[in-house]
Amino acid sequence: MLASRGSRLVVVGLLLAGALLIGTSLFGATGTVYVDRNNDQRYDSGDIPLPGVAVSDGFTVVTTDETGAFTLKTNSEAKFIFISIPSGTQPLDGWYRELTENENFDFPLKEVTDNSPLVFVQITDTHYATNKDEFKKAFYDRRMKVLPQGVLDSLTKEVNEISPDFVMLTGDIVADAKRPPVELVEKWMKYMADDFAAKFDCPLFALEGNHDIVRDAKIGKAVYEKYFGPTYYSFNVKGTHFIVLDTMWLSPDGKLTYGPSSAAEVSWLKQDLATVDPLAPVVVFCHEPTPGWADTEENAEVMNILTRAGITALLDGSWHMNFLLHERYPFYELVTSAVCGSWWEGEATDGSKFGYRVFRINRGRIESIWREIGVHNVELREPQQAVVTWDGTLHAATWGEATTASWTLDDGSSVNASVYYNGMWTVASGSLNFSTLSDGYHTLKVEFRMADDTAISSKRSFYVLNPDIDIKELKSHPDAFLGKIVAVPELRVRAIMPGEAISASDGSATIILNKLPFAVQKGDIIGVIGIYRAHSATLIKPYDPIFFTKYSHEEE
């Protein structure tokens, strides 16, 4: 179901954006935000007023008083009044209103259960068109090979089985809005807002992408706004604050620039964050990943605002691939692949099939899994690099409960991975040792053994390029290696020392190692990966048993 008001903007002719403006003078909008106990959508004595709820026109943010009431001086260019839905509630009559003069803007809400881990689904880049002939009017250089309807029906069925708290559609909703007639764009948008959204058993929120904007500045975002409402807003679910950014700016001459759309949006973002509990997790959605944002003052300021706010995550679409852009700094940023794969032609640009991403937040920790529609798949997220050196990290996940997971490199021995089941999917993790592999192409295979004893696996090829750096080189350039991970893949054991220590040499220098996970004797050939450190008898400190390798025993 669409998380919006049932009434629609009255747009005449070519949906002129100017018809949405209210005039040139400021006027006051008043209303009440309350829990409607009897669901009659009228504020009466049995209802519960909600204080502290953020209300905005996209320019100014105010909060409701102790009686749930607000007064907002609206901007002459404002189109909507909207609330930031508080946790523990859902709107009975939508979260936004078209801005008309002298109207009372009440927002009746209902209470919902709020005591379980937060689960939501991100779908993105649906690029919907009814059929192949209509799709041709959007893309001259592409040919739809898979009709969307069956895929979208399977998607909604799978998502409803998960019972998420909400679904977020992060843009590029329709095939394209640049080339087709406006009437066709509106037909597609109407289907997605009315029919597609109605198939979900939970609220659906949305934002617009570059393909959703008509390149006539007189129309611009009006088709999107007619069916989905404000282009930037916020809401709260189970103690987490969600911010939806508009990262599309259309100039008067019809040129599209990526990044937050205006100074008004930047001002709104600051005001919105000021209403949020500083300890609450903050998750931000936008269409275009930050590397695609234009070099503008507004974009730089938004990046600074999000960084200073310490947001939990920024979740994007647009690129038709799954890609972790930033794991920590300036913030966690994850790009999710497209529902439509490669514009309904087949697999997406990273080889992923039609799918969606499921997120889970518990005690401020966010985790996710990519699910392919109609397929029990394994998401092999790390290693993410095509070329690897020395070591890596394994991160893989599959839907459902697995009892064990293991990985193999080429035709080598199987190695058990750590497994964690969060109640929805299983994550396998561990350290990977590439230091003993020859330069060239290799294959990593990950296999999960499910609770019903079935096996599900995935493979990925990568290229190994291990530098030949000996101990003498490490010692001669401490500024480059100190505190960093290094590898010495071939060491001959020279002596067994008292305790658990040994001395070993690669021919350039000798080092001391201790706490080996296997027994060795003089003449053995071993390898090691670890942290290079100075002022210690053991120059290299391994931090995982997998980083020790034993090859053979050679007599001197």
Protein backbone atom coordinates (compact mmCIF):
# COMPACT_ATOMS: atom_id res chain seq x y z
CA MET A 1 0.00 0.00 0.00
CA LEU A 2 1.25 3.45 -0.88
CA ALA A 3 2.21 5.53 2.16
CA SER A 4 0.49 8.65 0.83
CA ARG A 5 -2.80 10.48 0.73
CA GLY A 6 -5.50 9.19 -1.58
CA SER A 7 -6.29 12.56 -3.17
CA ARG A 8 -4.08 13.74 -6.00
CA LEU A 9 -2.76 17.03 -7.32
CA VAL A 10 -5.05 18.62 -9.85
CA VAL A 11 -2.76 19.00 -12.84
CA VAL A 12 -4.20 20.34 -16.05
CA GLY A 13 -2.87 19.90 -19.56
CA LEU A 14 0.87 19.28 -19.36
CA LEU A 15 0.90 19.07 -15.53
CA LEU A 16 2.32 22.58 -15.24
CA ALA A 17 4.30 22.86 -12.06
CA GLY A 18 3.21 26.48 -11.76
CA ALA A 19 -0.35 25.36 -11.17
CA LEU A 20 0.82 23.87 -7.89
CA LEU A 21 1.98 27.19 -6.43
CA ILE A 22 -0.21 28.94 -3.91
CA GLY A 23 0.57 32.57 -4.61
CA THR A 24 3.10 35.08 -3.43
CA SER A 25 2.13 35.77 0.16
CA LEU A 26 2.84 33.70 3.24
CA PHE A 27 -0.10 32.24 5.15
CA GLY A 28 -0.49 30.05 8.21
CA ALA A 29 -1.25 26.35 8.06
CA THR A 30 -2.68 24.83 11.22
CA GLY A 31 -3.57 21.32 12.24
CA THR A 32 -3.33 18.53 14.78
CA VAL A 33 -1.40 15.26 14.80
CA TYR A 34 -3.08 12.61 16.91
CA VAL A 35 -3.75 8.90 17.45
CA ASP A 36 -7.29 8.31 16.21
CA ARG A 37 -8.61 5.76 18.70
CA ASN A 38 -11.94 5.19 16.96
CA ASN A 39 -10.61 5.52 13.38
CA ASP A 40 -13.20 8.11 12.40
CA GLN A 41 -10.50 10.52 11.11
CA ARG A 42 -11.86 13.31 13.28
CA TYR A 43 -10.09 14.66 16.32
CA ASP A 44 -12.40 14.13 19.31
CA SER A 45 -12.26 13.56 23.04
CA GLY A 46 -11.15 9.92 22.92
CA ASP A 47 -8.12 10.58 20.71
CA ILE A 48 -4.50 11.03 21.86
CA PRO A 49 -2.64 14.20 20.81
CA LEU A 50 0.99 13.67 19.82
CA PRO A 51 3.48 16.37 20.88
CA GLY A 52 6.92 16.80 19.32
CA VAL A 53 6.00 15.59 15.81
CA ALA A 54 7.91 17.38 13.02
CA VAL A 55 5.71 19.14 10.43
CA SER A 56 7.08 20.86 7.32
CA ASP A 57 6.27 22.51 4.02
CA GLY A 58 9.71 21.61 2.65
CA PHE A 59 11.12 24.98 3.71
CA THR A 60 10.41 25.27 7.44
CA VAL A 61 10.12 22.57 10.10
CA VAL A 62 8.05 23.03 13.25
CA THR A 63 6.96 20.54 15.92
CA THR A 64 3.56 19.96 17.47
CA ASP A 65 2.88 21.30 20.97
CA GLU A 66 1.58 19.34 23.96
CA THR A 67 -1.91 19.33 22.43
CA GLY A 68 -0.62 17.87 19.15
CA ALA A 69 -1.32 21.18 17.39
CA PHE A 70 0.96 23.10 15.04
CA THR A 71 1.01 26.40 13.18
CA LEU A 72 3.31 26.75 10.19
CA LYS A 73 3.96 29.86 8.12
CA THR A 74 4.23 28.34 4.68
CA ASN A 75 6.49 29.45 1.86
CA SER A 76 4.93 30.79 -1.33
CA GLU A 77 6.68 28.07 -3.36
CA ALA A 78 5.60 25.21 -1.10
CA LYS A 79 3.40 22.48 -2.58
CA PHE A 80 2.75 20.21 0.41
CA ILE A 81 2.37 20.04 4.16
CA PHE A 82 3.83 16.80 5.51
CA ILE A 83 4.68 15.18 8.82
CA SER A 84 7.59 13.03 9.91
CA ILE A 85 5.59 9.96 10.94
CA PRO A 86 6.48 9.16 14.58
CA SER A 87 7.56 5.69 15.67
CA GLY A 88 4.79 3.40 16.80
CA THR A 89 2.24 4.86 14.39
CA GLN A 90 1.03 4.71 10.80
CA PRO A 91 -1.12 7.29 9.00
CA LEU A 92 -4.82 6.56 8.52
CA ASP A 93 -5.12 9.17 5.78
CA GLY A 94 -1.58 9.67 4.51
CA TRP A 95 1.42 11.63 5.72
CA TYR A 96 1.18 14.63 3.38
CA ARG A 97 -1.45 17.08 2.14
CA GLU A 98 -1.65 19.26 -0.93
CA LEU A 99 -1.16 22.84 0.19
CA THR A 100 -4.32 24.88 -0.29
CA GLU A 101 -5.03 28.17 1.42
CA ASN A 102 -7.05 28.30 4.66
CA GLU A 103 -7.28 24.51 5.05
CA ASN A 104 -6.95 22.77 8.39
CA PHE A 105 -4.26 20.09 8.13
CA ASP A 106 -5.05 17.30 10.58
CA PHE A 107 -3.13 14.01 10.51
CA PRO A 108 -4.92 11.05 12.14
CA LEU A 109 -2.64 8.11 12.96
CA LYS A 110 -3.09 4.59 14.26
CA GLU A 111 -0.86 2.78 16.76
CA VAL A 112 1.23 -0.18 15.57
CA THR A 113 3.40 -2.77 17.33
CA ASP A 114 6.89 -1.41 17.91
CA ASN A 115 8.82 -4.04 19.91
CA SER A 116 10.53 -6.27 17.32
CA PRO A 117 13.67 -5.76 15.20
CA LEU A 118 13.10 -3.33 12.35
CA VAL A 119 12.91 -4.97 8.92
CA PHE A 120 12.49 -3.11 5.64
CA VAL A 121 12.93 -3.84 1.95
CA GLN A 122 14.66 -1.64 -0.62
CA ILE A 123 13.58 -2.00 -4.23
CA THR A 124 15.05 0.24 -6.87
CA ASP A 125 15.16 0.93 -10.60
CA THR A 126 11.96 -0.81 -11.64
CA HIS A 127 11.94 1.09 -14.97
CA TYR A 128 8.34 0.08 -15.47
CA ALA A 129 6.63 0.08 -18.87
CA THR A 130 3.52 -1.95 -19.65
CA ASN A 131 4.90 -3.77 -22.69
CA LYS A 132 7.74 -3.93 -25.21
CA ASP A 133 6.21 -1.42 -27.62
CA GLU A 134 5.83 1.20 -24.90
CA PHE A 135 9.37 0.50 -23.68
CA LYS A 136 10.75 1.30 -27.15
CA LYS A 137 9.41 4.85 -26.75
CA ALA A 138 11.60 5.25 -23.68
CA PHE A 139 14.86 3.66 -24.92
CA TYR A 140 15.84 3.61 -28.57
CA ASP A 141 18.95 1.52 -27.87
CA ARG A 142 17.40 -1.15 -25.63
CA ARG A 143 14.89 -3.94 -26.15
CA MET A 144 12.75 -5.31 -23.34
CA LYS A 145 13.19 -9.10 -23.29
CA VAL A 146 11.32 -9.82 -20.04
CA LEU A 147 7.88 -8.38 -19.33
CA PRO A 148 7.87 -6.66 -15.92
CA GLN A 149 4.45 -7.80 -14.73
CA GLY A 150 5.35 -11.37 -13.77
CA VAL A 151 8.55 -10.28 -12.03
CA LEU A 152 6.78 -7.55 -10.07
CA ASP A 153 3.99 -9.93 -9.02
CA SER A 154 6.57 -12.44 -7.73
CA LEU A 155 8.40 -9.60 -5.98
CA THR A 156 5.34 -8.42 -4.05
CA LYS A 157 4.46 -12.00 -3.08
CA GLU A 158 7.94 -12.68 -1.69
CA VAL A 159 8.10 -9.36 0.15
CA ASN A 160 4.70 -9.92 1.78
CA GLU A 161 5.92 -13.28 3.05
CA ILE A 162 8.73 -11.44 4.86
CA SER A 163 6.25 -9.01 6.53
CA PRO A 164 8.59 -6.00 6.57
CA ASP A 165 7.75 -2.76 8.35
CA PHE A 166 7.86 -0.89 5.04
CA VAL A 167 9.16 -0.96 1.47
CA MET A 168 11.35 1.82 0.03
CA LEU A 169 11.39 2.37 -3.74
CA THR A 170 14.54 4.38 -4.46
CA GLY A 171 13.83 5.87 -7.86
CA ASP A 172 13.78 5.23 -11.59
CA ILE A 173 10.25 4.03 -11.08
CA VAL A 174 9.19 4.30 -14.73
CA ALA A 175 11.08 3.28 -17.86
CA ASP A 176 12.00 6.88 -18.69
CA ALA A 177 10.43 10.34 -18.65
CA LYS A 178 12.78 12.15 -21.03
CA ARG A 179 11.66 10.82 -24.41
CA PRO A 180 8.14 9.34 -24.13
CA PRO A 181 4.96 11.46 -24.27
CA VAL A 182 3.98 12.84 -20.88
CA GLU A 183 0.69 10.93 -21.03
CA LEU A 184 2.63 7.64 -21.24
CA VAL A 185 4.90 8.60 -18.33
CA GLU A 186 1.82 9.39 -16.27
CA LYS A 187 0.25 6.03 -17.17
CA TRP A 188 3.32 4.17 -15.90
CA MET A 189 3.62 6.31 -12.76
CA LYS A 190 -0.06 5.84 -11.96
CA TYR A 191 0.25 2.07 -12.22
CA MET A 192 3.24 1.98 -9.87
CA ALA A 193 1.57 4.29 -7.32
CA ASP A 194 -1.90 2.76 -7.45
CA ASP A 195 -1.72 -0.89 -8.53
CA PHE A 196 1.82 -1.99 -7.71
CA ALA A 197 1.97 -0.26 -4.31
CA ALA A 198 -1.45 -1.63 -3.34
CA LYS A 199 -0.16 -5.21 -3.59
CA PHE A 200 2.12 -4.75 -0.57
CA ASP A 201 0.76 -5.50 2.91
CA CYS A 202 2.93 -2.73 4.36
CA PRO A 203 3.51 0.97 3.59
CA LEU A 204 5.51 1.81 0.46
CA PHE A 205 7.58 5.00 0.38
CA ALA A 206 9.29 6.31 -2.73
CA LEU A 207 11.68 8.86 -4.17
CA GLU A 208 12.30 9.95 -7.72
CA GLY A 209 15.24 9.05 -9.95
CA ASN A 210 16.66 10.73 -13.03
CA HIS A 211 14.42 8.67 -15.34
CA ASP A 212 11.30 9.88 -13.50
CA ILE A 213 11.73 13.55 -14.41
CA VAL A 214 10.28 15.12 -17.54
CA ARG A 215 13.01 17.27 -19.07
CA ASP A 216 10.63 20.16 -19.67
CA ALA A 217 11.17 22.53 -16.74
CA LYS A 218 7.49 23.50 -16.85
CA ILE A 219 6.63 19.91 -15.99
CA GLY A 220 9.78 18.49 -14.36
CA LYS A 221 8.82 16.48 -11.27
CA ALA A 222 5.09 17.18 -11.44
CA VAL A 223 4.15 13.70 -12.66
CA TYR A 224 6.06 12.09 -9.78
CA GLU A 225 4.59 14.57 -7.28
CA LYS A 226 1.06 13.93 -8.53
CA TYR A 227 1.27 10.28 -7.53
CA PHE A 228 3.93 10.10 -4.79
CA GLY A 229 3.96 13.55 -3.16
CA PRO A 230 6.96 15.44 -1.71
CA THR A 231 10.36 14.67 -3.21
CA TYR A 232 12.15 14.94 0.16
CA TYR A 233 10.79 14.08 3.58
CA SER A 234 11.41 11.93 6.66
CA PHE A 235 9.66 9.34 8.83
CA ASN A 236 10.37 7.21 11.90
CA VAL A 237 9.97 3.49 12.47
CA LYS A 238 10.85 1.61 15.67
CA GLY A 239 13.18 4.31 16.93
CA THR A 240 15.09 4.79 13.66
CA HIS A 241 14.83 8.07 11.76
CA PHE A 242 14.65 7.74 7.98
CA ILE A 243 15.46 10.64 5.64
CA VAL A 244 14.53 10.64 1.96
CA LEU A 245 16.65 13.00 -0.16
CA ASP A 246 15.86 14.42 -3.59
CA THR A 247 19.15 14.16 -5.48
CA MET A 248 17.84 15.51 -8.80
CA TRP A 249 18.04 19.22 -9.72
CA LEU A 250 16.43 20.32 -12.97
CA SER A 251 17.62 23.67 -14.33
CA PRO A 252 15.28 26.08 -16.15
CA ASP A 253 16.79 24.94 -19.46
CA GLY A 254 15.97 21.28 -18.70
CA LYS A 255 19.44 20.13 -17.69
CA LEU A 256 19.59 17.56 -14.88
CA THR A 257 22.27 17.76 -12.18
CA TYR A 258 22.78 15.11 -9.50
CA GLY A 259 22.83 15.93 -5.82
CA PRO A 260 20.40 17.51 -3.31
CA SER A 261 18.02 19.63 -5.33
CA SER A 262 18.11 23.07 -3.72
CA ALA A 263 19.19 25.35 -0.90
CA ALA A 264 15.68 24.83 0.50
CA GLU A 265 16.32 21.10 0.78
CA VAL A 266 19.63 21.70 2.56
CA SER A 267 17.91 24.03 5.03
CA TRP A 268 15.11 21.51 5.56
CA LEU A 269 17.65 18.73 6.21
CA LYS A 270 19.33 20.75 8.95
CA GLN A 271 16.02 21.53 10.60
CA ASP A 272 14.79 17.96 10.33
CA LEU A 273 17.92 16.52 11.96
CA ALA A 274 17.60 19.07 14.76
CA THR A 275 14.31 17.40 15.79
CA VAL A 276 15.88 13.93 16.06
CA ASP A 277 17.15 12.27 19.25
CA PRO A 278 20.96 12.44 18.94
CA LEU A 279 21.19 8.76 19.95
CA ALA A 280 18.69 7.54 17.36
CA PRO A 281 19.97 5.65 14.30
CA VAL A 282 19.58 7.72 11.11
CA VAL A 283 19.24 6.03 7.71
CA VAL A 284 19.20 8.12 4.53
CA PHE A 285 17.81 7.12 1.12
CA CYS A 286 18.60 8.71 -2.22
CA HIS A 287 18.72 7.63 -5.83
CA GLU A 288 22.15 8.73 -7.03
CA PRO A 289 25.24 7.47 -5.11
CA THR A 290 27.45 10.25 -3.77
CA PRO A 291 30.29 9.81 -6.35
CA GLY A 292 27.77 10.98 -8.97
CA TRP A 293 26.83 14.17 -7.15
CA ALA A 294 27.86 17.39 -8.87
CA ASP A 295 30.59 19.58 -7.41
CA THR A 296 28.35 22.22 -5.82
CA GLU A 297 28.29 24.05 -2.51
CA GLU A 298 24.93 22.49 -1.63
CA ASN A 299 26.21 18.96 -2.24
CA ALA A 300 29.37 19.56 -0.22
CA GLU A 301 27.29 20.97 2.62
CA VAL A 302 24.95 17.97 2.62
CA MET A 303 27.93 15.60 2.79
CA ASN A 304 29.23 17.55 5.78
CA ILE A 305 25.81 17.53 7.45
CA LEU A 306 25.43 13.77 7.08
CA THR A 307 28.99 13.13 8.26
CA ARG A 308 28.62 15.34 11.33
CA ALA A 309 25.28 13.74 12.13
CA GLY A 310 26.97 10.34 12.24
CA ILE A 311 24.30 8.68 10.12
CA THR A 312 23.96 4.92 10.29
CA ALA A 313 23.78 4.41 6.52
CA LEU A 314 23.16 5.99 3.13
CA LEU A 315 21.30 3.63 0.79
CA ASP A 316 21.27 4.27 -2.97
CA GLY A 317 20.19 2.80 -6.29
CA SER A 318 20.79 4.00 -9.87
CA TRP A 319 23.90 1.96 -10.80
CA HIS A 320 22.15 -1.39 -11.43
CA MET A 321 24.67 -3.23 -9.27
CA ASN A 322 25.32 -4.21 -5.67
CA PHE A 323 28.33 -2.31 -4.41
CA LEU A 324 29.57 -1.27 -0.97
CA LEU A 325 30.94 2.23 -1.55
CA HIS A 326 31.96 3.05 2.01
CA GLU A 327 32.04 0.70 4.97
CA ARG A 328 32.79 3.31 7.62
CA TYR A 329 33.97 6.79 6.60
CA PRO A 330 32.45 9.23 5.95
CA PHE A 331 29.51 6.87 6.52
CA TYR A 332 28.28 3.44 5.45
CA GLU A 333 27.03 3.75 1.85
CA LEU A 334 25.57 0.79 -0.02
CA VAL A 335 24.33 0.72 -3.62
CA THR A 336 21.56 -1.80 -4.33
CA SER A 337 21.03 -3.44 -7.72
CA ALA A 338 17.97 -3.07 -9.92
CA VAL A 339 14.68 -4.93 -9.84
CA CYS A 340 14.80 -4.77 -13.65
CA GLY A 341 18.36 -6.13 -13.92
CA SER A 342 19.72 -4.53 -17.07
CA TRP A 343 16.61 -2.59 -18.14
CA TRP A 344 14.53 -5.78 -18.53
CA GLU A 345 17.08 -7.24 -20.96
CA GLY A 346 18.68 -9.65 -18.51
CA GLU A 347 21.24 -9.61 -15.70
CA ALA A 348 22.32 -6.31 -14.14
CA THR A 349 25.71 -4.71 -14.75
CA ASP A 350 27.31 -6.79 -11.96
CA GLY A 351 25.70 -10.05 -13.07
CA SER A 352 22.95 -9.96 -10.44
CA LYS A 353 19.50 -11.10 -11.47
CA PHE A 354 16.14 -9.41 -10.83
CA GLY A 355 16.00 -8.83 -7.09
CA TYR A 356 15.71 -6.63 -4.01
CA ARG A 357 17.50 -6.03 -0.71
CA VAL A 358 16.23 -6.84 2.78
CA PHE A 359 17.53 -4.82 5.75
CA ARG A 360 17.36 -5.54 9.45
CA ILE A 361 18.19 -3.05 12.22
CA ASN A 362 18.52 -4.26 15.79
CA ARG A 363 20.04 -2.13 18.57
CA GLY A 364 21.43 0.26 15.98
CA ARG A 365 23.22 -2.43 13.96
CA ILE A 366 22.25 -2.58 10.28
CA GLU A 367 22.66 -5.69 8.16
CA SER A 368 21.26 -6.70 4.78
CA ILE A 369 20.98 -9.40 2.16
CA TRP A 370 20.39 -9.31 -1.60
CA ARG A 371 17.61 -11.68 -2.66
CA GLU A 372 17.04 -12.74 -6.25
CA ILE A 373 13.37 -13.11 -7.10
CA GLY A 374 12.26 -16.74 -7.26
CA VAL A 375 15.78 -18.06 -6.55
CA HIS A 376 17.51 -19.29 -3.38
CA ASN A 377 20.76 -17.43 -3.96
CA VAL A 378 23.99 -16.73 -2.10
CA GLU A 379 25.15 -13.13 -1.88
CA LEU A 380 28.94 -13.20 -1.95
CA ARG A 381 29.66 -9.61 -0.95
CA GLU A 382 33.33 -9.88 -0.01
CA PRO A 383 35.94 -10.04 -1.35
CA GLN A 384 34.64 -7.22 -3.54
CA GLN A 385 37.89 -6.60 -5.45
CA ALA A 386 38.66 -8.18 -8.79
CA VAL A 387 42.40 -8.22 -7.97
CA VAL A 388 43.44 -9.43 -4.53
CA THR A 389 46.75 -9.36 -2.69
CA TRP A 390 47.87 -11.51 0.25
CA ASP A 391 44.67 -11.56 2.32
CA GLY A 392 40.95 -10.85 2.21
CA THR A 393 37.69 -11.07 4.12
CA LEU A 394 34.85 -13.47 3.40
CA HIS A 395 31.30 -12.16 3.77
CA ALA A 396 28.49 -14.23 2.29
CA ALA A 397 24.82 -14.63 3.12
CA THR A 398 21.86 -16.78 2.16
CA TRP A 399 18.18 -16.65 3.07
CA GLY A 400 17.06 -19.04 5.79
CA GLU A 401 18.87 -20.95 8.53
CA ALA A 402 22.12 -22.72 7.70
CA THR A 403 23.87 -24.96 10.20
CA THR A 404 27.35 -24.71 8.65
CA ALA A 405 29.21 -22.87 5.91
CA SER A 406 32.59 -23.50 4.27
CA TRP A 407 34.80 -22.12 1.54
CA THR A 408 37.43 -23.46 -0.81
CA LEU A 409 40.06 -21.83 -3.01
CA ASP A 410 40.35 -23.64 -6.36
CA ASP A 411 40.48 -27.36 -5.61
CA GLY A 412 41.97 -26.90 -2.15
CA SER A 413 40.74 -28.18 1.16
CA SER A 414 37.43 -26.97 2.54
CA VAL A 415 37.69 -24.44 5.38
CA ASN A 416 34.88 -23.89 7.86
CA ALA A 417 33.52 -20.35 8.10
CA SER A 418 31.89 -18.70 11.09
CA VAL A 419 28.09 -18.67 10.75
CA TYR A 420 25.48 -16.39 12.29
CA TYR A 421 21.71 -16.76 11.87
CA ASN A 422 19.75 -13.60 12.65
CA GLY A 423 16.32 -15.19 12.49
CA MET A 424 15.90 -14.42 8.78
CA TRP A 425 19.14 -15.23 6.97
CA THR A 426 22.56 -16.75 7.68
CA VAL A 427 25.86 -14.90 7.34
CA ALA A 428 29.19 -16.67 6.77
CA SER A 429 32.41 -14.83 7.53
CA GLY A 430 36.12 -15.45 7.88
CA SER A 431 39.60 -14.46 6.78
CA LEU A 432 41.02 -15.51 3.41
CA ASN A 433 44.68 -16.32 2.76
CA PHE A 434 45.73 -15.58 -0.82
CA SER A 435 49.45 -15.33 -0.09
CA THR A 436 50.22 -18.90 -1.15
CA LEU A 437 48.45 -18.67 -4.51
CA SER A 438 50.33 -18.10 -7.74
CA ASP A 439 49.66 -14.91 -9.67
CA GLY A 440 46.74 -15.38 -12.02
CA TYR A 441 43.07 -16.37 -11.98
CA HIS A 442 41.56 -18.37 -9.13
CA THR A 443 38.11 -19.36 -7.89
CA LEU A 444 36.47 -18.98 -4.49
CA LYS A 445 33.52 -21.24 -3.68
CA VAL A 446 31.25 -20.73 -0.68
CA GLU A 447 28.75 -23.40 0.38
CA PHE A 448 26.01 -23.27 3.00
CA ARG A 449 24.49 -26.40 4.51
CA MET A 450 20.89 -25.51 5.32
CA ALA A 451 18.87 -26.72 8.30
CA ASP A 452 16.97 -29.12 6.00
CA ASP A 453 20.36 -30.57 4.90
CA THR A 454 20.22 -29.07 1.40
CA ALA A 455 23.29 -27.28 0.07
CA ILE A 456 23.41 -23.88 -1.63
CA SER A 457 26.65 -22.48 -3.05
CA SER A 458 28.16 -19.69 -5.11
CA LYS A 459 31.46 -19.18 -6.93
CA ARG A 460 33.47 -16.11 -7.84
CA SER A 461 36.62 -15.76 -9.91
CA PHE A 462 39.33 -13.23 -9.11
CA TYR A 463 42.91 -12.41 -10.02
CA VAL A 464 45.77 -12.81 -7.54
CA LEU A 465 48.72 -10.45 -7.75
CA ASN A 466 51.08 -10.99 -4.82
CA PRO A 467 54.08 -8.65 -4.60
CA ASP A 468 57.50 -10.19 -3.89
CA ILE A 469 58.59 -8.24 -0.82
CA ASP A 470 61.11 -9.84 1.54
CA ILE A 471 61.82 -9.16 5.21
CA LYS A 472 64.83 -6.98 4.42
CA GLU A 473 62.58 -4.76 2.30
CA LEU A 474 60.04 -4.49 5.10
CA LYS A 475 62.73 -3.44 7.56
CA SER A 476 64.19 -0.84 5.20
CA HIS A 477 60.88 1.02 4.72
CA PRO A 478 59.08 1.07 8.10
CA ASP A 479 57.22 4.25 7.10
CA ALA A 480 55.39 2.25 4.43
CA PHE A 481 54.75 -1.00 6.32
CA LEU A 482 54.56 -0.15 10.02
CA GLY A 483 51.14 -1.09 11.41
CA LYS A 484 50.01 -2.50 8.05
CA ILE A 485 49.25 -6.03 6.90
CA VAL A 486 52.19 -7.76 5.22
CA ALA A 487 52.92 -11.27 4.01
CA VAL A 488 56.03 -13.43 3.91
CA PRO A 489 54.79 -16.49 2.03
CA GLU A 490 57.95 -18.67 2.33
CA LEU A 491 60.03 -18.97 5.47
CA ARG A 492 62.35 -21.82 6.45
CA VAL A 493 62.27 -22.73 10.15
CA ARG A 494 65.81 -22.24 11.46
CA ALA A 495 65.41 -23.10 15.13
CA ILE A 496 62.85 -24.20 17.70
CA MET A 497 63.14 -21.83 20.66
CA PRO A 498 62.05 -22.26 24.29
CA GLY A 499 58.33 -21.84 24.82
CA GLU A 500 56.21 -21.51 21.67
CA ALA A 501 58.61 -19.42 19.59
CA ILE A 502 60.60 -20.27 16.46
CA SER A 503 63.08 -18.42 14.30
CA ALA A 504 62.58 -18.47 10.54
CA SER A 505 64.24 -16.88 7.51
CA ASP A 506 63.25 -16.02 3.95
CA GLY A 507 66.93 -15.71 2.92
CA SER A 508 67.07 -11.94 3.39
CA ALA A 509 66.60 -11.78 7.16
CA THR A 510 65.44 -13.82 10.13
CA ILE A 511 62.37 -13.15 12.30
CA ILE A 512 60.84 -14.70 15.39
CA LEU A 513 57.28 -16.10 15.36
CA ASN A 514 55.23 -17.59 18.18
CA LYS A 515 51.89 -19.28 18.85
CA LEU A 516 51.81 -21.21 15.59
CA PRO A 517 48.57 -23.23 15.16
CA PHE A 518 50.53 -26.34 14.13
CA ALA A 519 53.69 -28.16 15.18
CA VAL A 520 56.86 -27.48 13.18
CA GLN A 521 60.40 -28.70 13.15
CA LYS A 522 63.65 -27.38 11.82
CA GLY A 523 63.64 -27.26 8.03
CA ASP A 524 59.89 -26.84 7.60
CA ILE A 525 58.70 -24.27 5.05
CA ILE A 526 55.92 -22.05 6.36
CA GLY A 527 54.18 -18.81 5.36
CA VAL A 528 52.71 -16.02 7.44
CA ILE A 529 50.46 -12.96 7.09
CA GLY A 530 50.23 -10.41 9.88
CA ILE A 531 50.66 -6.87 11.12
CA TYR A 532 54.17 -5.46 10.76
CA ARG A 533 55.38 -3.80 13.93
CA ALA A 534 58.57 -2.33 15.32
CA HIS A 535 60.17 -2.53 18.79
CA SER A 536 59.09 -6.13 19.23
CA ALA A 537 60.92 -9.42 19.08
CA THR A 538 58.17 -10.69 16.77
CA LEU A 539 58.10 -8.24 13.85
CA ILE A 540 55.01 -9.80 12.26
CA LYS A 541 51.92 -10.47 14.39
CA PRO A 542 49.36 -12.81 12.77
CA TYR A 543 45.81 -12.27 14.05
CA ASP A 544 44.05 -15.31 12.56
CA PRO A 545 45.23 -18.96 12.41
CA ILE A 546 44.32 -19.03 8.70
CA PHE A 547 47.24 -16.69 8.09
CA PHE A 548 49.75 -19.43 8.92
CA THR A 549 50.61 -21.87 6.15
CA LYS A 550 52.71 -25.03 6.38
CA TYR A 551 54.07 -26.39 3.10
CA SER A 552 56.59 -29.17 3.67
CA HIS A 553 59.70 -30.28 5.46
CA GLU A 554 63.07 -29.85 3.76
CA GLU A 555 66.38 -31.09 5.11
CA GLU A 556 69.22 -28.57 5.07
